Amino acid sequence: MNNNSRQAKGRYLQNIVKDKIIKLFNLTNADIRTSNTGENGEDVKLLSLTAKRAFAYSVECKNSEQHLGLYKNFKQAKKHNHREPLLVIKKNREPALAIISLDHFFDLIEKDD
């Protein structure tokens, strides 16, 4: 995969997250933007105070085939029953992480409003 394709793939995921935040919190493109390739910091930048108050998360997006094992484990969690899948992962000397679907994450945030 060439570099332009990798960058476009990353921007695609960033834009999905940005659009979901804008829609859920009635923000505008002036409130939030995605980072440029090679730019330091968050991948989805909250520019306005309103956006920062509405969405209290720091977003890092990774659109990569290296996560195949995580998807396999997440699918296993989905197969157990009809409840919402939750994958918990842990690495030595690192905190445990909880993985849920992006849509479920935004559903949870919407219910908190």
N, C-alpha and C. Protein backbone atom coordinates (compact mmCIF):
# COMPACT_ATOMS: atom_id res chain seq x y z
N MET A 1 0.86 -1.17 0.00
CA MET A 1 0.00 0.00 0.00
C MET A 1 0.90 1.24 0.00
N ASN A 2 0.62 2.17 -0.91
CA ASN A 2 1.47 3.36 -0.95
C ASN A 2 1.09 4.36 0.13
N ASN A 3 1.93 5.34 0.32
CA ASN A 3 1.76 6.29 1.42
C ASN A 3 0.46 7.08 1.30
N ASN A 4 0.10 7.51 0.09
CA ASN A 4 -1.15 8.27 -0.09
C ASN A 4 -2.37 7.44 0.29
N SER A 5 -2.34 6.16 -0.03
CA SER A 5 -3.46 5.27 0.33
C SER A 5 -3.56 5.11 1.84
N ARG A 6 -2.42 4.98 2.51
CA ARG A 6 -2.41 4.87 3.97
C ARG A 6 -2.99 6.13 4.61
N GLN A 7 -2.58 7.28 4.10
CA GLN A 7 -3.07 8.55 4.65
C GLN A 7 -4.57 8.69 4.44
N ALA A 8 -5.05 8.32 3.25
CA ALA A 8 -6.48 8.41 2.96
C ALA A 8 -7.27 7.47 3.86
N LYS A 9 -6.74 6.29 4.12
CA LYS A 9 -7.39 5.31 5.00
C LYS A 9 -7.51 5.86 6.41
N GLY A 10 -6.45 6.51 6.90
CA GLY A 10 -6.48 7.12 8.23
C GLY A 10 -7.46 8.27 8.31
N ARG A 11 -7.46 9.13 7.29
CA ARG A 11 -8.39 10.27 7.26
C ARG A 11 -9.83 9.80 7.24
N TYR A 12 -10.10 8.70 6.53
CA TYR A 12 -11.45 8.16 6.45
C TYR A 12 -11.99 7.85 7.85
N LEU A 13 -11.21 7.15 8.67
CA LEU A 13 -11.64 6.82 10.02
C LEU A 13 -11.79 8.08 10.88
N GLN A 14 -10.85 9.00 10.76
CA GLN A 14 -10.94 10.27 11.51
C GLN A 14 -12.23 11.01 11.17
N ASN A 15 -12.57 11.04 9.89
CA ASN A 15 -13.79 11.74 9.47
C ASN A 15 -15.05 11.06 9.97
N ILE A 16 -15.05 9.73 10.05
CA ILE A 16 -16.20 9.02 10.61
C ILE A 16 -16.43 9.47 12.06
N VAL A 17 -15.36 9.48 12.85
CA VAL A 17 -15.46 9.87 14.27
C VAL A 17 -15.88 11.34 14.37
N LYS A 18 -15.24 12.20 13.60
CA LYS A 18 -15.57 13.64 13.62
C LYS A 18 -17.04 13.86 13.30
N ASP A 19 -17.54 13.22 12.24
CA ASP A 19 -18.94 13.39 11.84
C ASP A 19 -19.91 12.90 12.91
N LYS A 20 -19.57 11.81 13.59
CA LYS A 20 -20.43 11.30 14.66
C LYS A 20 -20.48 12.29 15.83
N ILE A 21 -19.35 12.88 16.17
CA ILE A 21 -19.31 13.86 17.26
C ILE A 21 -20.12 15.10 16.89
N ILE A 22 -19.93 15.60 15.68
CA ILE A 22 -20.66 16.78 15.22
C ILE A 22 -22.16 16.53 15.26
N LYS A 23 -22.59 15.39 14.75
CA LYS A 23 -24.02 15.07 14.70
C LYS A 23 -24.60 14.92 16.10
N LEU A 24 -23.92 14.18 16.97
CA LEU A 24 -24.45 13.90 18.30
C LEU A 24 -24.58 15.15 19.16
N PHE A 25 -23.60 16.05 19.06
CA PHE A 25 -23.59 17.22 19.93
C PHE A 25 -23.98 18.52 19.22
N ASN A 26 -24.53 18.42 18.01
CA ASN A 26 -24.96 19.59 17.24
C ASN A 26 -23.84 20.63 17.12
N LEU A 27 -22.65 20.17 16.77
CA LEU A 27 -21.51 21.06 16.60
C LEU A 27 -21.37 21.40 15.11
N THR A 28 -20.40 22.25 14.80
CA THR A 28 -20.13 22.61 13.41
C THR A 28 -18.69 22.26 13.08
N ASN A 29 -18.34 22.38 11.81
CA ASN A 29 -16.96 22.14 11.40
C ASN A 29 -16.00 23.15 12.02
N ALA A 30 -16.51 24.28 12.49
CA ALA A 30 -15.66 25.26 13.17
C ALA A 30 -15.30 24.79 14.58
N ASP A 31 -16.07 23.87 15.14
CA ASP A 31 -15.84 23.37 16.49
C ASP A 31 -14.83 22.23 16.55
N ILE A 32 -14.67 21.51 15.46
CA ILE A 32 -13.91 20.27 15.47
C ILE A 32 -13.26 20.05 14.10
N ARG A 33 -12.07 19.48 14.10
CA ARG A 33 -11.40 19.15 12.84
C ARG A 33 -10.52 17.92 13.04
N THR A 34 -10.14 17.31 11.93
CA THR A 34 -9.21 16.19 11.99
C THR A 34 -7.80 16.72 11.77
N SER A 35 -6.84 15.98 12.28
CA SER A 35 -5.45 16.42 12.15
C SER A 35 -4.92 16.11 10.75
N ASN A 36 -3.92 16.86 10.36
CA ASN A 36 -3.23 16.61 9.09
C ASN A 36 -2.23 15.49 9.28
N THR A 37 -1.84 14.86 8.21
CA THR A 37 -0.85 13.79 8.28
C THR A 37 0.45 14.31 8.88
N GLY A 38 0.96 13.61 9.86
CA GLY A 38 2.22 13.99 10.50
C GLY A 38 2.08 15.03 11.60
N GLU A 39 0.88 15.52 11.81
CA GLU A 39 0.65 16.53 12.85
C GLU A 39 0.63 15.84 14.22
N ASN A 40 1.29 16.44 15.18
CA ASN A 40 1.31 15.89 16.53
C ASN A 40 -0.02 16.12 17.24
N GLY A 41 -0.29 15.29 18.21
CA GLY A 41 -1.49 15.45 19.03
C GLY A 41 -2.62 14.55 18.60
N GLU A 42 -3.80 14.90 19.06
CA GLU A 42 -4.99 14.10 18.81
C GLU A 42 -5.31 14.04 17.32
N ASP A 43 -5.98 12.96 16.92
CA ASP A 43 -6.40 12.83 15.53
C ASP A 43 -7.67 13.62 15.25
N VAL A 44 -8.51 13.77 16.25
CA VAL A 44 -9.72 14.60 16.13
C VAL A 44 -9.56 15.72 17.14
N LYS A 45 -9.39 16.92 16.63
CA LYS A 45 -9.09 18.08 17.48
C LYS A 45 -10.36 18.85 17.79
N LEU A 46 -10.60 19.05 19.08
CA LEU A 46 -11.73 19.84 19.54
C LEU A 46 -11.26 21.29 19.66
N LEU A 47 -11.81 22.16 18.84
CA LEU A 47 -11.31 23.53 18.77
C LEU A 47 -12.04 24.49 19.70
N SER A 48 -13.35 24.31 19.85
CA SER A 48 -14.12 25.24 20.66
C SER A 48 -14.29 24.71 22.08
N LEU A 49 -14.56 25.62 23.00
CA LEU A 49 -14.83 25.25 24.39
C LEU A 49 -16.10 24.40 24.46
N THR A 50 -17.08 24.70 23.63
CA THR A 50 -18.32 23.93 23.58
C THR A 50 -18.03 22.47 23.23
N ALA A 51 -17.19 22.26 22.23
CA ALA A 51 -16.84 20.89 21.82
C ALA A 51 -16.08 20.17 22.92
N LYS A 52 -15.17 20.86 23.59
CA LYS A 52 -14.39 20.24 24.66
C LYS A 52 -15.27 19.86 25.84
N ARG A 53 -16.27 20.67 26.13
CA ARG A 53 -17.20 20.33 27.23
C ARG A 53 -18.11 19.18 26.85
N ALA A 54 -18.51 19.12 25.58
CA ALA A 54 -19.45 18.10 25.13
C ALA A 54 -18.80 16.73 25.01
N PHE A 55 -17.54 16.69 24.56
CA PHE A 55 -16.88 15.42 24.28
C PHE A 55 -15.56 15.38 25.03
N ALA A 56 -15.53 14.67 26.14
CA ALA A 56 -14.38 14.68 27.05
C ALA A 56 -13.40 13.54 26.77
N TYR A 57 -13.12 13.28 25.49
CA TYR A 57 -12.23 12.19 25.12
C TYR A 57 -11.12 12.69 24.21
N SER A 58 -9.98 12.05 24.31
CA SER A 58 -8.86 12.30 23.41
C SER A 58 -8.86 11.16 22.39
N VAL A 59 -8.98 11.50 21.11
CA VAL A 59 -9.19 10.49 20.07
C VAL A 59 -7.91 10.24 19.29
N GLU A 60 -7.54 8.97 19.21
CA GLU A 60 -6.44 8.50 18.36
C GLU A 60 -7.04 7.43 17.46
N CYS A 61 -6.94 7.58 16.16
CA CYS A 61 -7.53 6.64 15.20
C CYS A 61 -6.44 5.80 14.54
N LYS A 62 -6.66 4.52 14.47
CA LYS A 62 -5.74 3.59 13.80
C LYS A 62 -6.55 2.71 12.87
N ASN A 63 -6.38 2.88 11.57
CA ASN A 63 -7.07 2.06 10.58
C ASN A 63 -6.02 1.15 9.96
N SER A 64 -5.84 -0.05 10.53
CA SER A 64 -4.71 -0.91 10.17
C SER A 64 -5.11 -2.37 10.18
N GLU A 65 -4.47 -3.13 9.32
CA GLU A 65 -4.68 -4.58 9.29
C GLU A 65 -3.95 -5.28 10.43
N GLN A 66 -3.12 -4.59 11.17
CA GLN A 66 -2.37 -5.20 12.27
C GLN A 66 -3.27 -5.60 13.43
N HIS A 67 -4.50 -5.16 13.42
CA HIS A 67 -5.42 -5.42 14.52
C HIS A 67 -6.31 -6.65 14.27
N LEU A 68 -5.91 -7.51 13.36
CA LEU A 68 -6.73 -8.66 12.99
C LEU A 68 -7.06 -9.54 14.20
N GLY A 69 -6.11 -9.73 15.09
CA GLY A 69 -6.35 -10.54 16.28
C GLY A 69 -7.41 -9.96 17.18
N LEU A 70 -7.44 -8.63 17.29
CA LEU A 70 -8.46 -7.97 18.11
C LEU A 70 -9.85 -8.20 17.53
N TYR A 71 -9.95 -8.09 16.22
CA TYR A 71 -11.25 -8.31 15.58
C TYR A 71 -11.71 -9.76 15.74
N LYS A 72 -10.79 -10.67 15.67
CA LYS A 72 -11.12 -12.09 15.86
C LYS A 72 -11.65 -12.30 17.28
N ASN A 73 -10.99 -11.70 18.27
CA ASN A 73 -11.44 -11.83 19.66
C ASN A 73 -12.77 -11.12 19.89
N PHE A 74 -12.97 -9.97 19.23
CA PHE A 74 -14.23 -9.24 19.37
C PHE A 74 -15.38 -10.04 18.77
N LYS A 75 -15.14 -10.68 17.63
CA LYS A 75 -16.16 -11.53 17.02
C LYS A 75 -16.50 -12.71 17.93
N GLN A 76 -15.50 -13.23 18.63
CA GLN A 76 -15.75 -14.32 19.58
C GLN A 76 -16.68 -13.84 20.69
N ALA A 77 -16.45 -12.62 21.19
CA ALA A 77 -17.32 -12.06 22.23
C ALA A 77 -18.75 -11.88 21.71
N LYS A 78 -18.88 -11.53 20.43
CA LYS A 78 -20.21 -11.35 19.82
C LYS A 78 -20.97 -12.67 19.72
N LYS A 79 -20.25 -13.76 19.51
CA LYS A 79 -20.88 -15.05 19.29
C LYS A 79 -21.44 -15.68 20.56
N HIS A 80 -21.03 -15.22 21.72
CA HIS A 80 -21.45 -15.85 22.98
C HIS A 80 -22.96 -15.78 23.19
N ASN A 81 -23.55 -14.63 22.90
CA ASN A 81 -24.98 -14.44 23.10
C ASN A 81 -25.41 -13.18 22.36
N HIS A 82 -26.59 -12.68 22.69
CA HIS A 82 -27.12 -11.51 21.98
C HIS A 82 -26.86 -10.19 22.70
N ARG A 83 -26.11 -10.23 23.79
CA ARG A 83 -25.78 -8.99 24.50
C ARG A 83 -24.68 -8.25 23.77
N GLU A 84 -24.50 -6.99 24.13
CA GLU A 84 -23.47 -6.15 23.49
C GLU A 84 -22.08 -6.71 23.79
N PRO A 85 -21.26 -6.93 22.76
CA PRO A 85 -19.92 -7.49 23.02
C PRO A 85 -18.98 -6.47 23.65
N LEU A 86 -18.15 -6.95 24.54
CA LEU A 86 -17.11 -6.17 25.20
C LEU A 86 -15.85 -7.02 25.21
N LEU A 87 -14.78 -6.48 24.63
CA LEU A 87 -13.49 -7.16 24.64
C LEU A 87 -12.58 -6.42 25.60
N VAL A 88 -12.01 -7.11 26.56
CA VAL A 88 -11.07 -6.53 27.50
C VAL A 88 -9.70 -7.12 27.19
N ILE A 89 -8.72 -6.24 26.95
CA ILE A 89 -7.37 -6.72 26.64
C ILE A 89 -6.39 -6.15 27.66
N LYS A 90 -5.28 -6.85 27.84
CA LYS A 90 -4.27 -6.43 28.80
C LYS A 90 -2.91 -6.88 28.32
N LYS A 91 -1.94 -6.05 28.50
CA LYS A 91 -0.54 -6.36 28.18
C LYS A 91 0.25 -6.20 29.47
N ASN A 92 1.33 -6.94 29.61
CA ASN A 92 2.15 -6.82 30.81
C ASN A 92 2.56 -5.37 31.06
N ARG A 93 2.44 -4.96 32.30
CA ARG A 93 2.82 -3.62 32.76
C ARG A 93 2.05 -2.49 32.07
N GLU A 94 0.90 -2.80 31.53
CA GLU A 94 0.03 -1.80 30.90
C GLU A 94 -1.38 -1.96 31.48
N PRO A 95 -2.15 -0.87 31.49
CA PRO A 95 -3.52 -0.98 32.01
C PRO A 95 -4.41 -1.79 31.08
N ALA A 96 -5.44 -2.38 31.63
CA ALA A 96 -6.41 -3.12 30.83
C ALA A 96 -7.22 -2.12 29.99
N LEU A 97 -7.59 -2.54 28.80
CA LEU A 97 -8.39 -1.71 27.89
C LEU A 97 -9.69 -2.41 27.58
N ALA A 98 -10.76 -1.63 27.45
CA ALA A 98 -12.06 -2.16 27.07
C ALA A 98 -12.35 -1.74 25.63
N ILE A 99 -12.76 -2.69 24.81
CA ILE A 99 -13.05 -2.42 23.41
C ILE A 99 -14.52 -2.71 23.15
N ILE A 100 -15.22 -1.69 22.65
CA ILE A 100 -16.62 -1.81 22.25
C ILE A 100 -16.74 -1.25 20.83
N SER A 101 -17.85 -1.48 20.18
CA SER A 101 -18.03 -0.94 18.83
C SER A 101 -18.19 0.58 18.90
N LEU A 102 -17.81 1.25 17.82
CA LEU A 102 -17.91 2.72 17.76
C LEU A 102 -19.36 3.17 17.90
N ASP A 103 -20.27 2.49 17.22
CA ASP A 103 -21.69 2.86 17.32
C ASP A 103 -22.21 2.70 18.74
N HIS A 104 -21.83 1.63 19.42
CA HIS A 104 -22.26 1.43 20.81
C HIS A 104 -21.69 2.52 21.71
N PHE A 105 -20.43 2.89 21.49
CA PHE A 105 -19.80 3.97 22.26
C PHE A 105 -20.62 5.27 22.13
N PHE A 106 -20.99 5.64 20.90
CA PHE A 106 -21.76 6.87 20.72
C PHE A 106 -23.18 6.74 21.25
N ASP A 107 -23.76 5.53 21.22
CA ASP A 107 -25.06 5.31 21.85
C ASP A 107 -24.97 5.56 23.36
N LEU A 108 -23.89 5.09 23.99
CA LEU A 108 -23.72 5.31 25.42
C LEU A 108 -23.58 6.79 25.76
N ILE A 109 -22.83 7.50 24.96
CA ILE A 109 -22.65 8.94 25.20
C ILE A 109 -23.97 9.68 25.02
N GLU A 110 -24.73 9.29 24.00
CA GLU A 110 -26.01 9.94 23.73
C GLU A 110 -26.97 9.75 24.89
N LYS A 111 -26.96 8.58 25.52
CA LYS A 111 -27.85 8.30 26.64
C LYS A 111 -27.47 9.11 27.88
N ASP A 112 -26.18 9.48 27.99
CA ASP A 112 -25.73 10.27 29.13
C ASP A 112 -26.18 11.72 29.06
N ASP A 113 -26.48 12.21 27.85
CA ASP A 113 -26.89 13.62 27.71
C ASP A 113 -28.16 13.94 28.41
